[in-house]
Each structure stands twice: as C-alpha cells, then as structure tokens.
C-alpha cells in the first residue's frame, strides 16, 4: 500500500515538468505582431508628427519592412530612422522599430492606410501582416475675419556677424604674403648681377697663343676660298679668347658692346680700342647680317687684330694693362 503512495508524487512531478516545457514551447511560438502608432492625431499645417512601426516576432523569422514613397495619400514623409533591433534576454524574441516623421501642408483629415509587412520563416513560407489604419487631423491657423488684411512683411535681414569675414581676411593675408614674396624674389633676381664665367688663364702668355692662332688662320686662306663667315667668326673668337686671358673679360659669352664696356676699366689707348671694335663689328655683320666684305676689309681685319694683340701684350717689363 505504501508503494502506491510513492507513485503519486512522482507522477505529479512529471506532469509539472511536461506542463512547463509546453508553456515554453507555446511562448516561443508566440505569433508575430505589427503595430503602427502615432504620437498625436492632431497637428497644424506644416507641423511634424511621429509615426512608429513596432514588430514583435521570434528570432527564427525574417521581417521585411515596406519601402514607402515620399508621399502617402497627401502626407509627406520628412525623414526615416534606421530600423532598430532589440533582442530579448533569452534570445528567442525580437522587437524591431522604425520611426517616420510626416507632415501635411493642407488642412483636413488624412488616413494612413494599412502598411503591409512580409514575414518569412526558416521553412521558406512567406506571410504578410498589416497595420491598422490611422486617422490624422490637420488644422489650419484660425483667422480673424473682422480685422483688416495686413501687408506682407518685408524680408528680414539676419544680423551681421564679423566672423563671416574671417575666411576672406585670412585669404587676403595669405595672398598678400605670397605676392610680397614673389615681388621680392623677382626684384632681387633683377638686381642681381651675374658675373660671366671667365676661363682660367693658360700657362703660356696670351699674346703668343693669339698670334699663333692668327698665323694659322691666315695660312688656311679661308676668305680667299669664299668662306667669309667662317673666317671672321674664327678671327673674332681668337680676339675674344685673348681678351679673356689677358684682361679677364668674359668676351666669348658677351656681345660686342658688353665686351667693349668691360674693357673700360683698363687703360687702353683709343687707337687700340678702335682697331678692336672694327674687327668685332665687321665679324658681327658677316655672322648675323650675312654681309660679304671686300678683299681689303678681310686683310685689314687680320692686320688690326694682330696690331691690337701686339699693342696690348703683357711682357715682363709691362706693368700696366695697356702696355
């Protein structure tokens, strides 16, 4: 008899466990619910109202929110929030929320039509749920018709703010600094005197090298063969090389006027300068103006070049540049 009394508590405990499991199973199978709610049903023209969608479902289902147009039955959607997901502590239930800001620009009554949501399960089945319709009342601003109509107010200018000019102020400062730097650089570059490079003097006396070069040029008989340009270019180069070695004047890189100007600090007599200028000027005419000198001019240029070199040669006894 006592054994039978032991069976009843065990059976009671088993029933309690089965009922608890059934309750959990029933809770997990709670159906999906979709709710649309407004924070208010009455607004004035242009005011915004919040429309919130709330979806309660199990974690094994997938909810597809509808893509709503910017205008719904006369209502304008101003903004849309991201879909916020809240998971229950046991991870079995999900709550999804999205909030829309809507408004209307005309008075009257507007209906937010039922919104369709799609619910997909793991088995592949698709179901649809819809929200309930919502009614919104949009009121206009009351107008006192007993008073006269006022004129339209003029456009109001915002107060002046000096901070708006700061970017322009900084821009002017930077532009001024850049302009000043460029001006200073160009002016310094313009005023800088670039001394032409002067070749190093040879070991032998400059007049000996020049006279030997003139003798070789005379022996080649270039102008007698019609090579007037080559003859006078060679003659000019011999003289300019001599000037560089004898007077340290960068004659090869300078024009005739610059060369003569550079010789002013040396005590040369007028006759020597005249002979030098005659040779260089005629060479420039032949080289740049394609002039054809006569026989006497060719011979005279060689003679003047030899006379200038001999007259300005620096010997052991000579102590001045012109001797």
C-alpha atoms as a PDB file:
ATOM      1  CA  UNK A   1       0.000   0.000   0.000  1.00  0.00           C
ATOM      2  CA  UNK A   2       2.861   2.323   0.840  1.00  0.00           C
ATOM      3  CA  UNK A   3       4.352   1.753  -2.619  1.00  0.00           C
ATOM      4  CA  UNK A   4       1.286   3.235  -4.278  1.00  0.00           C
ATOM      5  CA  UNK A   5       1.649   6.402  -2.236  1.00  0.00           C
ATOM      6  CA  UNK A   6       5.141   6.825  -3.650  1.00  0.00           C
ATOM      7  CA  UNK A   7       3.867   6.678  -7.240  1.00  0.00           C
ATOM      8  CA  UNK A   8       1.580   9.729  -6.921  1.00  0.00           C
ATOM      9  CA  UNK A   9       4.320  12.316  -6.097  1.00  0.00           C
ATOM     10  CA  UNK A  10       6.474  11.062  -8.995  1.00  0.00           C
ATOM     11  CA  UNK A  11       3.579  11.314 -11.415  1.00  0.00           C
ATOM     12  CA  UNK A  12       2.745  14.813 -10.165  1.00  0.00           C
ATOM     13  CA  UNK A  13       6.351  15.984 -10.681  1.00  0.00           C
ATOM     14  CA  UNK A  14       6.416  14.556 -14.208  1.00  0.00           C
ATOM     15  CA  UNK A  15       3.226  16.397 -15.094  1.00  0.00           C
ATOM     16  CA  UNK A  16       4.651  19.676 -13.848  1.00  0.00           C
ATOM     17  CA  UNK A  17       7.756  19.263 -15.989  1.00  0.00           C
ATOM     18  CA  UNK A  18       5.700  18.498 -19.080  1.00  0.00           C
ATOM     19  CA  UNK A  19       3.464  21.498 -18.491  1.00  0.00           C
ATOM     20  CA  UNK A  20       6.497  23.805 -18.102  1.00  0.00           C
ATOM     21  CA  UNK A  21       8.005  22.559 -21.365  1.00  0.00           C
ATOM     22  CA  UNK A  22       4.692  23.043 -23.098  1.00  0.00           C
ATOM     23  CA  UNK A  23       4.478  26.582 -21.740  1.00  0.00           C
ATOM     24  CA  UNK A  24       7.980  27.382 -23.033  1.00  0.00           C
ATOM     25  CA  UNK A  25       7.141  25.906 -26.399  1.00  0.00           C
ATOM     26  CA  UNK A  26       3.962  27.917 -26.547  1.00  0.00           C
ATOM     27  CA  UNK A  27       5.811  31.104 -25.601  1.00  0.00           C
ATOM     28  CA  UNK A  28       8.430  30.507 -28.293  1.00  0.00           C
ATOM     29  CA  UNK A  29       5.701  30.085 -30.834  1.00  0.00           C
ATOM     30  CA  UNK A  30       4.157  33.459 -29.988  1.00  0.00           C
ATOM     31  CA  UNK A  31       2.711  34.939 -33.202  1.00  0.00           C
ATOM     32  CA  UNK A  32       4.287  37.952 -34.960  1.00  0.00           C
ATOM     33  CA  UNK A  33       2.603  41.281 -34.290  1.00  0.00           C
ATOM     34  CA  UNK A  34       2.900  44.543 -36.257  1.00  0.00           C
ATOM     35  CA  UNK A  35       1.825  47.836 -34.686  1.00  0.00           C
ATOM     36  CA  UNK A  36       1.692  51.370 -36.146  1.00  0.00           C
ATOM     37  CA  UNK A  37       1.333  54.180 -33.621  1.00  0.00           C
ATOM     38  CA  UNK A  38       1.191  57.997 -33.780  1.00  0.00           C
ATOM     39  CA  UNK A  39       2.441  60.307 -31.058  1.00  0.00           C
ATOM     40  CA  UNK A  40      -0.590  62.529 -31.761  1.00  0.00           C
ATOM     41  CA  UNK A  41      -3.576  62.566 -34.113  1.00  0.00           C
ATOM     42  CA  UNK A  42      -3.993  66.343 -34.431  1.00  0.00           C
ATOM     43  CA  UNK A  43      -1.458  68.816 -35.833  1.00  0.00           C
ATOM     44  CA  UNK A  44      -1.432  72.217 -37.511  1.00  0.00           C
ATOM     45  CA  UNK A  45      -0.378  72.772 -41.095  1.00  0.00           C
ATOM     46  CA  UNK A  46       3.357  72.134 -41.515  1.00  0.00           C
ATOM     47  CA  UNK A  47       3.875  70.564 -38.111  1.00  0.00           C
ATOM     48  CA  UNK A  48       5.519  67.153 -37.960  1.00  0.00           C
ATOM     49  CA  UNK A  49       4.133  64.022 -36.366  1.00  0.00           C
ATOM     50  CA  UNK A  50       5.933  60.792 -35.448  1.00  0.00           C
ATOM     51  CA  UNK A  51       4.698  57.510 -36.952  1.00  0.00           C
ATOM     52  CA  UNK A  52       6.359  54.468 -35.363  1.00  0.00           C
ATOM     53  CA  UNK A  53       6.301  50.876 -36.601  1.00  0.00           C
ATOM     54  CA  UNK A  54       6.863  48.162 -33.985  1.00  0.00           C
ATOM     55  CA  UNK A  55       7.247  44.490 -34.914  1.00  0.00           C
ATOM     56  CA  UNK A  56       7.346  41.714 -32.268  1.00  0.00           C
ATOM     57  CA  UNK A  57       8.428  38.332 -33.622  1.00  0.00           C
ATOM     58  CA  UNK A  58      10.528  35.276 -32.878  1.00  0.00           C
ATOM     59  CA  UNK A  59      14.203  35.137 -33.780  1.00  0.00           C
ATOM     60  CA  UNK A  60      13.650  32.405 -36.367  1.00  0.00           C
ATOM     61  CA  UNK A  61      11.620  34.698 -38.614  1.00  0.00           C
ATOM     62  CA  UNK A  62      12.691  37.414 -41.000  1.00  0.00           C
ATOM     63  CA  UNK A  63      10.736  40.677 -41.299  1.00  0.00           C
ATOM     64  CA  UNK A  64      10.754  42.777 -44.490  1.00  0.00           C
ATOM     65  CA  UNK A  65       9.847  46.415 -43.844  1.00  0.00           C
ATOM     66  CA  UNK A  66       7.975  48.116 -46.700  1.00  0.00           C
ATOM     67  CA  UNK A  67       9.671  50.761 -48.852  1.00  0.00           C
ATOM     68  CA  UNK A  68       7.312  53.708 -48.582  1.00  0.00           C
ATOM     69  CA  UNK A  69       7.177  56.574 -51.108  1.00  0.00           C
ATOM     70  CA  UNK A  70       7.890  60.171 -50.074  1.00  0.00           C
ATOM     71  CA  UNK A  71       4.179  60.985 -50.322  1.00  0.00           C
ATOM     72  CA  UNK A  72       1.404  58.817 -48.907  1.00  0.00           C
ATOM     73  CA  UNK A  73      -2.190  59.901 -49.523  1.00  0.00           C
ATOM     74  CA  UNK A  74      -1.325  63.592 -49.172  1.00  0.00           C
ATOM     75  CA  UNK A  75       1.092  63.111 -46.266  1.00  0.00           C
ATOM     76  CA  UNK A  76       4.763  63.986 -46.776  1.00  0.00           C
ATOM     77  CA  UNK A  77       7.492  61.813 -45.253  1.00  0.00           C
ATOM     78  CA  UNK A  78      10.156  64.203 -43.944  1.00  0.00           C
ATOM     79  CA  UNK A  79      12.646  61.720 -42.501  1.00  0.00           C
ATOM     80  CA  UNK A  80      13.082  57.993 -41.779  1.00  0.00           C
ATOM     81  CA  UNK A  81      15.098  56.443 -38.984  1.00  0.00           C
ATOM     82  CA  UNK A  82      17.114  53.255 -39.261  1.00  0.00           C
ATOM     83  CA  UNK A  83      15.498  50.012 -38.164  1.00  0.00           C
ATOM     84  CA  UNK A  84      16.367  49.378 -34.518  1.00  0.00           C
ATOM     85  CA  UNK A  85      16.504  45.739 -33.330  1.00  0.00           C
ATOM     86  CA  UNK A  86      16.049  44.716 -29.668  1.00  0.00           C
ATOM     87  CA  UNK A  87      16.636  41.074 -28.669  1.00  0.00           C
ATOM     88  CA  UNK A  88      15.106  39.505 -25.556  1.00  0.00           C
ATOM     89  CA  UNK A  89      17.281  38.128 -22.761  1.00  0.00           C
ATOM     90  CA  UNK A  90      16.752  34.528 -23.828  1.00  0.00           C
ATOM     91  CA  UNK A  91      17.364  35.443 -27.486  1.00  0.00           C
ATOM     92  CA  UNK A  92      14.046  33.950 -28.613  1.00  0.00           C
ATOM     93  CA  UNK A  93      12.125  37.163 -29.285  1.00  0.00           C
ATOM     94  CA  UNK A  94      12.940  40.217 -31.404  1.00  0.00           C
ATOM     95  CA  UNK A  95      11.482  43.722 -31.359  1.00  0.00           C
ATOM     96  CA  UNK A  96      12.073  45.860 -34.461  1.00  0.00           C
ATOM     97  CA  UNK A  97      11.281  49.566 -34.545  1.00  0.00           C
ATOM     98  CA  UNK A  98      11.348  52.308 -37.168  1.00  0.00           C
ATOM     99  CA  UNK A  99      10.179  55.897 -36.858  1.00  0.00           C
ATOM    100  CA  UNK A 100       8.951  58.234 -39.606  1.00  0.00           C
ATOM    101  CA  UNK A 101       8.435  61.992 -39.433  1.00  0.00           C
ATOM    102  CA  UNK A 102       5.428  63.012 -41.533  1.00  0.00           C
ATOM    103  CA  UNK A 103       3.571  66.245 -42.154  1.00  0.00           C
ATOM    104  CA  UNK A 104       0.862  67.813 -44.314  1.00  0.00           C
ATOM    105  CA  UNK A 105       0.604  71.230 -45.932  1.00  0.00           C
ATOM    106  CA  UNK A 106      -3.153  71.414 -46.302  1.00  0.00           C
ATOM    107  CA  UNK A 107      -5.870  71.216 -43.694  1.00  0.00           C
ATOM    108  CA  UNK A 108      -8.267  68.295 -43.494  1.00  0.00           C
ATOM    109  CA  UNK A 109      -8.347  64.657 -42.464  1.00  0.00           C
ATOM    110  CA  UNK A 110      -5.750  62.198 -43.692  1.00  0.00           C
ATOM    111  CA  UNK A 111      -5.726  58.430 -43.396  1.00  0.00           C
ATOM    112  CA  UNK A 112      -2.556  56.432 -43.007  1.00  0.00           C
ATOM    113  CA  UNK A 113      -3.518  53.320 -44.925  1.00  0.00           C
ATOM    114  CA  UNK A 114      -2.620  49.864 -43.544  1.00  0.00           C
ATOM    115  CA  UNK A 115       1.065  49.095 -44.159  1.00  0.00           C
ATOM    116  CA  UNK A 116       1.977  45.574 -45.328  1.00  0.00           C
ATOM    117  CA  UNK A 117       4.947  43.730 -43.751  1.00  0.00           C
ATOM    118  CA  UNK A 118       6.288  40.409 -45.072  1.00  0.00           C
ATOM    119  CA  UNK A 119       7.215  37.646 -42.618  1.00  0.00           C
ATOM    120  CA  UNK A 120       9.490  34.805 -43.808  1.00  0.00           C
ATOM    121  CA  UNK A 121      10.141  31.628 -41.813  1.00  0.00           C
ATOM    122  CA  UNK A 122      13.017  29.153 -41.989  1.00  0.00           C
ATOM    123  CA  UNK A 123      10.832  26.684 -43.848  1.00  0.00           C
ATOM    124  CA  UNK A 124      10.533  29.139 -46.739  1.00  0.00           C
ATOM    125  CA  UNK A 125       6.933  30.117 -46.178  1.00  0.00           C
ATOM    126  CA  UNK A 126       6.051  33.835 -46.549  1.00  0.00           C
ATOM    127  CA  UNK A 127       3.203  35.513 -44.764  1.00  0.00           C
ATOM    128  CA  UNK A 128       2.001  39.135 -44.753  1.00  0.00           C
ATOM    129  CA  UNK A 129       0.825  41.271 -41.844  1.00  0.00           C
ATOM    130  CA  UNK A 130      -0.669  44.730 -41.968  1.00  0.00           C
ATOM    131  CA  UNK A 131      -1.004  47.580 -39.505  1.00  0.00           C
ATOM    132  CA  UNK A 132      -4.268  49.244 -38.601  1.00  0.00           C
ATOM    133  CA  UNK A 133      -5.327  52.414 -40.404  1.00  0.00           C
ATOM    134  CA  UNK A 134      -4.574  55.705 -38.618  1.00  0.00           C
ATOM    135  CA  UNK A 135      -6.541  58.954 -38.852  1.00  0.00           C
ATOM    136  CA  UNK A 136      -4.771  62.326 -38.698  1.00  0.00           C
ATOM    137  CA  UNK A 137      -6.491  65.710 -38.365  1.00  0.00           C
ATOM    138  CA  UNK A 138      -4.605  68.672 -39.844  1.00  0.00           C
ATOM    139  CA  UNK A 139      -5.974  72.032 -38.754  1.00  0.00           C
ATOM    140  CA  UNK A 140      -5.331  75.433 -40.191  1.00  0.00           C
ATOM    141  CA  UNK A 141      -4.420  78.572 -38.261  1.00  0.00           C
ATOM    142  CA  UNK A 142      -7.554  80.481 -37.239  1.00  0.00           C
ATOM    143  CA  UNK A 143      -8.032  83.805 -38.999  1.00  0.00           C
ATOM    144  CA  UNK A 144      -9.898  86.760 -37.531  1.00  0.00           C
ATOM    145  CA  UNK A 145     -12.001  87.962 -40.453  1.00  0.00           C
ATOM    146  CA  UNK A 146     -13.131  91.089 -38.564  1.00  0.00           C
ATOM    147  CA  UNK A 147      -9.671  92.635 -38.886  1.00  0.00           C
ATOM    148  CA  UNK A 148      -8.163  94.155 -41.996  1.00  0.00           C
ATOM    149  CA  UNK A 149      -5.706  92.140 -44.050  1.00  0.00           C
ATOM    150  CA  UNK A 150      -2.167  93.178 -43.268  1.00  0.00           C
ATOM    151  CA  UNK A 151       0.506  93.711 -45.886  1.00  0.00           C
ATOM    152  CA  UNK A 152       3.217  91.146 -46.411  1.00  0.00           C
ATOM    153  CA  UNK A 153       6.179  91.706 -44.139  1.00  0.00           C
ATOM    154  CA  UNK A 154       9.470  92.570 -45.861  1.00  0.00           C
ATOM    155  CA  UNK A 155      12.341  90.144 -45.949  1.00  0.00           C
ATOM    156  CA  UNK A 156      14.226  90.178 -42.675  1.00  0.00           C
ATOM    157  CA  UNK A 157      17.971  90.501 -42.940  1.00  0.00           C
ATOM    158  CA  UNK A 158      19.959  88.437 -40.440  1.00  0.00           C
ATOM    159  CA  UNK A 159      22.262  90.383 -38.111  1.00  0.00           C
ATOM    160  CA  UNK A 160      25.764  91.000 -39.429  1.00  0.00           C
ATOM    161  CA  UNK A 161      28.406  88.711 -37.987  1.00  0.00           C
ATOM    162  CA  UNK A 162      32.065  89.700 -38.300  1.00  0.00           C
ATOM    163  CA  UNK A 163      33.062  86.042 -38.094  1.00  0.00           C
ATOM    164  CA  UNK A 164      31.703  85.592 -41.614  1.00  0.00           C
ATOM    165  CA  UNK A 165      34.537  87.821 -42.901  1.00  0.00           C
ATOM    166  CA  UNK A 166      37.320  85.855 -41.206  1.00  0.00           C
ATOM    167  CA  UNK A 167      37.863  83.437 -44.160  1.00  0.00           C
ATOM    168  CA  UNK A 168      38.187  86.391 -46.532  1.00  0.00           C
ATOM    169  CA  UNK A 169      40.535  88.154 -44.087  1.00  0.00           C
ATOM    170  CA  UNK A 170      42.797  85.106 -43.910  1.00  0.00           C
ATOM    171  CA  UNK A 171      42.679  84.738 -47.705  1.00  0.00           C
ATOM    172  CA  UNK A 172      43.787  88.361 -48.203  1.00  0.00           C
ATOM    173  CA  UNK A 173      46.652  87.913 -45.723  1.00  0.00           C
ATOM    174  CA  UNK A 174      47.894  84.750 -47.454  1.00  0.00           C
ATOM    175  CA  UNK A 175      47.558  86.377 -50.889  1.00  0.00           C
ATOM    176  CA  UNK A 176      49.495  89.441 -49.687  1.00  0.00           C
ATOM    177  CA  UNK A 177      52.298  87.311 -48.259  1.00  0.00           C
ATOM    178  CA  UNK A 178      52.578  85.274 -51.465  1.00  0.00           C
ATOM    179  CA  UNK A 179      52.525  88.408 -53.618  1.00  0.00           C
ATOM    180  CA  UNK A 180      55.185  90.074 -51.472  1.00  0.00           C
ATOM    181  CA  UNK A 181      57.405  87.011 -51.634  1.00  0.00           C
ATOM    182  CA  UNK A 182      57.101  86.835 -55.430  1.00  0.00           C
ATOM    183  CA  UNK A 183      57.805  90.586 -55.778  1.00  0.00           C
ATOM    184  CA  UNK A 184      60.852  90.354 -53.505  1.00  0.00           C
ATOM    185  CA  UNK A 185      62.186  87.357 -55.411  1.00  0.00           C
ATOM    186  CA  UNK A 186      61.736  88.968 -58.830  1.00  0.00           C
ATOM    187  CA  UNK A 187      63.241  92.258 -57.695  1.00  0.00           C
ATOM    188  CA  UNK A 188      66.231  90.543 -56.114  1.00  0.00           C
ATOM    189  CA  UNK A 189      66.714  88.431 -59.215  1.00  0.00           C
ATOM    190  CA  UNK A 190      66.509  91.509 -61.449  1.00  0.00           C
ATOM    191  CA  UNK A 191      69.055  93.459 -59.412  1.00  0.00           C
ATOM    192  CA  UNK A 192      71.441  90.542 -59.096  1.00  0.00           C
ATOM    193  CA  UNK A 193      74.450  90.982 -61.303  1.00  0.00           C
ATOM    194  CA  UNK A 194      75.594  87.698 -62.773  1.00  0.00           C
ATOM    195  CA  UNK A 195      79.260  87.770 -63.438  1.00  0.00           C
ATOM    196  CA  UNK A 196      80.091  85.795 -66.578  1.00  0.00           C
ATOM    197  CA  UNK A 197      82.448  82.952 -66.041  1.00  0.00           C
ATOM    198  CA  UNK A 198      85.998  83.767 -67.027  1.00  0.00           C
ATOM    199  CA  UNK A 199      88.178  80.986 -68.276  1.00  0.00           C
ATOM    200  CA  UNK A 200      91.384  80.182 -66.476  1.00  0.00           C
ATOM    201  CA  UNK A 201      94.458  81.786 -67.994  1.00  0.00           C
ATOM    202  CA  UNK A 202      96.773  79.391 -69.860  1.00  0.00           C
ATOM    203  CA  UNK A 203     100.340  78.662 -68.804  1.00  0.00           C
ATOM    204  CA  UNK A 204     101.745  80.453 -71.862  1.00  0.00           C
ATOM    205  CA  UNK A 205     101.399  84.198 -72.470  1.00  0.00           C
ATOM    206  CA  UNK A 206      98.047  85.054 -74.023  1.00  0.00           C
ATOM    207  CA  UNK A 207      99.534  87.110 -76.872  1.00  0.00           C
ATOM    208  CA  UNK A 208     101.712  84.231 -78.033  1.00  0.00           C
ATOM    209  CA  UNK A 209      98.735  81.877 -78.287  1.00  0.00           C
ATOM    210  CA  UNK A 210      96.664  84.506 -80.104  1.00  0.00           C
ATOM    211  CA  UNK A 211      99.386  85.412 -82.622  1.00  0.00           C
ATOM    212  CA  UNK A 212      99.974  81.743 -83.411  1.00  0.00           C
ATOM    213  CA  UNK A 213      96.225  81.278 -83.989  1.00  0.00           C
ATOM    214  CA  UNK A 214      96.167  84.303 -86.321  1.00  0.00           C
ATOM    215  CA  UNK A 215      99.096  82.899 -88.293  1.00  0.00           C
ATOM    216  CA  UNK A 216      97.333  79.558 -88.675  1.00  0.00           C
ATOM    217  CA  UNK A 217      94.095  81.299 -89.734  1.00  0.00           C
ATOM    218  CA  UNK A 218      95.989  83.329 -92.325  1.00  0.00           C
ATOM    219  CA  UNK A 219      97.580  80.201 -93.696  1.00  0.00           C
ATOM    220  CA  UNK A 220      94.241  78.455 -94.225  1.00  0.00           C
ATOM    221  CA  UNK A 221      93.176  81.189 -96.707  1.00  0.00           C
ATOM    222  CA  UNK A 222      89.510  80.827 -95.858  1.00  0.00           C
ATOM    223  CA  UNK A 223      88.189  84.116 -97.228  1.00  0.00           C
ATOM    224  CA  UNK A 224      90.115  83.577-100.461  1.00  0.00           C
ATOM    225  CA  UNK A 225      88.019  80.392-100.903  1.00  0.00           C
ATOM    226  CA  UNK A 226      84.728  82.232-100.244  1.00  0.00           C
ATOM    227  CA  UNK A 227      84.364  81.124 -96.587  1.00  0.00           C
ATOM    228  CA  UNK A 228      83.906  84.694 -95.345  1.00  0.00           C
ATOM    229  CA  UNK A 229      81.665  83.766 -92.424  1.00  0.00           C
ATOM    230  CA  UNK A 230      83.961  81.065 -91.065  1.00  0.00           C
ATOM    231  CA  UNK A 231      86.979  83.349 -91.460  1.00  0.00           C
ATOM    232  CA  UNK A 232      85.516  86.253 -89.487  1.00  0.00           C
ATOM    233  CA  UNK A 233      83.987  84.007 -86.803  1.00  0.00           C
ATOM    234  CA  UNK A 234      87.385  82.407 -86.249  1.00  0.00           C
ATOM    235  CA  UNK A 235      89.058  85.821 -86.193  1.00  0.00           C
ATOM    236  CA  UNK A 236      86.519  87.143 -83.645  1.00  0.00           C
ATOM    237  CA  UNK A 237      86.909  84.070 -81.408  1.00  0.00           C
ATOM    238  CA  UNK A 238      90.711  84.423 -81.391  1.00  0.00           C
ATOM    239  CA  UNK A 239      90.425  88.034 -80.273  1.00  0.00           C
ATOM    240  CA  UNK A 240      87.757  87.275 -77.623  1.00  0.00           C
ATOM    241  CA  UNK A 241      89.794  84.397 -76.219  1.00  0.00           C
ATOM    242  CA  UNK A 242      92.791  86.717 -75.971  1.00  0.00           C
ATOM    243  CA  UNK A 243      90.673  89.311 -74.128  1.00  0.00           C
ATOM    244  CA  UNK A 244      89.547  86.713 -71.598  1.00  0.00           C
ATOM    245  CA  UNK A 245      93.091  85.512 -70.868  1.00  0.00           C
ATOM    246  CA  UNK A 246      94.708  88.963 -70.981  1.00  0.00           C
ATOM    247  CA  UNK A 247      92.106  91.216 -69.346  1.00  0.00           C
ATOM    248  CA  UNK A 248      89.868  88.658 -67.568  1.00  0.00           C
ATOM    249  CA  UNK A 249      86.831  89.840 -69.528  1.00  0.00           C
ATOM    250  CA  UNK A 250      84.171  87.240 -70.401  1.00  0.00           C
ATOM    251  CA  UNK A 251      84.254  88.184 -74.068  1.00  0.00           C
ATOM    252  CA  UNK A 252      83.209  84.830 -75.504  1.00  0.00           C
ATOM    253  CA  UNK A 253      79.810  84.937 -73.701  1.00  0.00           C
ATOM    254  CA  UNK A 254      79.240  88.679 -74.211  1.00  0.00           C
ATOM    255  CA  UNK A 255      78.144  90.884 -77.068  1.00  0.00           C
ATOM    256  CA  UNK A 256      80.490  93.337 -78.704  1.00  0.00           C
ATOM    257  CA  UNK A 257      79.050  96.258 -76.729  1.00  0.00           C
ATOM    258  CA  UNK A 258      79.351  94.319 -73.451  1.00  0.00           C
ATOM    259  CA  UNK A 259      82.920  93.383 -74.284  1.00  0.00           C
ATOM    260  CA  UNK A 260      83.917  96.967 -75.034  1.00  0.00           C
ATOM    261  CA  UNK A 261      82.143  98.108 -71.867  1.00  0.00           C
ATOM    262  CA  UNK A 262      84.130  95.582 -69.819  1.00  0.00           C
ATOM    263  CA  UNK A 263      87.424  96.946 -71.162  1.00  0.00           C
ATOM    264  CA  UNK A 264      86.743 100.484 -69.924  1.00  0.00           C
ATOM    265  CA  UNK A 265      88.350  99.821 -66.557  1.00  0.00           C
ATOM    266  CA  UNK A 266      91.630  99.014 -68.319  1.00  0.00           C
ATOM    267  CA  UNK A 267      93.892 101.803 -69.516  1.00  0.00           C
ATOM    268  CA  UNK A 268      93.745 101.084 -73.235  1.00  0.00           C
ATOM    269  CA  UNK A 269      94.545 103.750 -75.778  1.00  0.00           C
ATOM    270  CA  UNK A 270      91.891 104.927 -78.208  1.00  0.00           C
ATOM    271  CA  UNK A 271      93.676 103.545 -81.286  1.00  0.00           C
ATOM    272  CA  UNK A 272      93.799 100.006 -79.880  1.00  0.00           C
ATOM    273  CA  UNK A 273      90.137 100.142 -78.902  1.00  0.00           C
ATOM    274  CA  UNK A 274      89.253 101.426 -82.375  1.00  0.00           C
ATOM    275  CA  UNK A 275      91.074  98.545 -84.082  1.00  0.00           C
ATOM    276  CA  UNK A 276      89.375  96.002 -81.753  1.00  0.00           C
ATOM    277  CA  UNK A 277      85.940  97.458 -82.319  1.00  0.00           C
ATOM    278  CA  UNK A 278      86.430  97.494 -86.109  1.00  0.00           C
ATOM    279  CA  UNK A 279      87.312  93.791 -86.176  1.00  0.00           C
ATOM    280  CA  UNK A 280      84.432  92.737 -83.887  1.00  0.00           C
ATOM    281  CA  UNK A 281      81.826  94.906 -85.660  1.00  0.00           C
ATOM    282  CA  UNK A 282      82.722  93.537 -89.093  1.00  0.00           C
ATOM    283  CA  UNK A 283      82.597  89.973 -87.742  1.00  0.00           C
ATOM    284  CA  UNK A 284      79.102  90.634 -86.347  1.00  0.00           C
ATOM    285  CA  UNK A 285      77.963  91.999 -89.710  1.00  0.00           C
ATOM    286  CA  UNK A 286      79.213  88.914 -91.536  1.00  0.00           C
ATOM    287  CA  UNK A 287      77.869  86.494 -88.928  1.00  0.00           C
ATOM    288  CA  UNK A 288      74.403  87.949 -88.300  1.00  0.00           C
ATOM    289  CA  UNK A 289      73.661  90.192 -91.279  1.00  0.00           C
ATOM    290  CA  UNK A 290      75.297  87.900 -93.868  1.00  0.00           C
ATOM    291  CA  UNK A 291      77.429  90.751 -95.156  1.00  0.00           C
ATOM    292  CA  UNK A 292      80.176  89.945 -97.717  1.00  0.00           C
ATOM    293  CA  UNK A 293      83.282  92.064 -97.045  1.00  0.00           C
ATOM    294  CA  UNK A 294      85.609  93.165 -99.776  1.00  0.00           C
ATOM    295  CA  UNK A 295      89.233  91.979-100.065  1.00  0.00           C
ATOM    296  CA  UNK A 296      90.728  94.941 -98.272  1.00  0.00           C
ATOM    297  CA  UNK A 297      88.327  94.562 -95.334  1.00  0.00           C
ATOM    298  CA  UNK A 298      89.338  90.905 -94.852  1.00  0.00           C
ATOM    299  CA  UNK A 299      93.018  91.808 -94.893  1.00  0.00           C
ATOM    300  CA  UNK A 300      92.505  94.869 -92.685  1.00  0.00           C
ATOM    301  CA  UNK A 301      90.644  92.868 -90.002  1.00  0.00           C
ATOM    302  CA  UNK A 302      93.551  90.421 -89.692  1.00  0.00           C
ATOM    303  CA  UNK A 303      96.048  93.284 -89.599  1.00  0.00           C
ATOM    304  CA  UNK A 304      94.055  95.189 -86.939  1.00  0.00           C
ATOM    305  CA  UNK A 305      93.682  92.064 -84.801  1.00  0.00           C
ATOM    306  CA  UNK A 306      97.454  91.412 -84.932  1.00  0.00           C
ATOM    307  CA  UNK A 307      98.191  95.068 -84.136  1.00  0.00           C
ATOM    308  CA  UNK A 308      95.800  95.084 -81.158  1.00  0.00           C
ATOM    309  CA  UNK A 309      97.328  91.946 -79.672  1.00  0.00           C
ATOM    310  CA  UNK A 310     100.877  93.191 -80.092  1.00  0.00           C
ATOM    311  CA  UNK A 311      99.984  96.593 -78.702  1.00  0.00           C
ATOM    312  CA  UNK A 312      98.355  95.205 -75.558  1.00  0.00           C
ATOM    313  CA  UNK A 313     100.610  92.213 -74.950  1.00  0.00           C
ATOM    314  CA  UNK A 314     101.747  91.874 -71.351  1.00  0.00           C
ATOM    315  CA  UNK A 315     105.512  91.437 -71.269  1.00  0.00           C
ATOM    316  CA  UNK A 316     107.903  91.085 -68.383  1.00  0.00           C
ATOM    317  CA  UNK A 317     108.563  94.826 -68.447  1.00  0.00           C
ATOM    318  CA  UNK A 318     104.923  95.837 -68.798  1.00  0.00           C
ATOM    319  CA  UNK A 319     103.252  96.775 -65.543  1.00  0.00           C
ATOM    320  CA  UNK A 320     100.045  98.289 -66.823  1.00  0.00           C
ATOM    321  CA  UNK A 321      97.228  96.664 -68.737  1.00  0.00           C
ATOM    322  CA  UNK A 322      97.702  98.854 -71.794  1.00  0.00           C
ATOM    323  CA  UNK A 323     101.399  98.344 -72.188  1.00  0.00           C
END
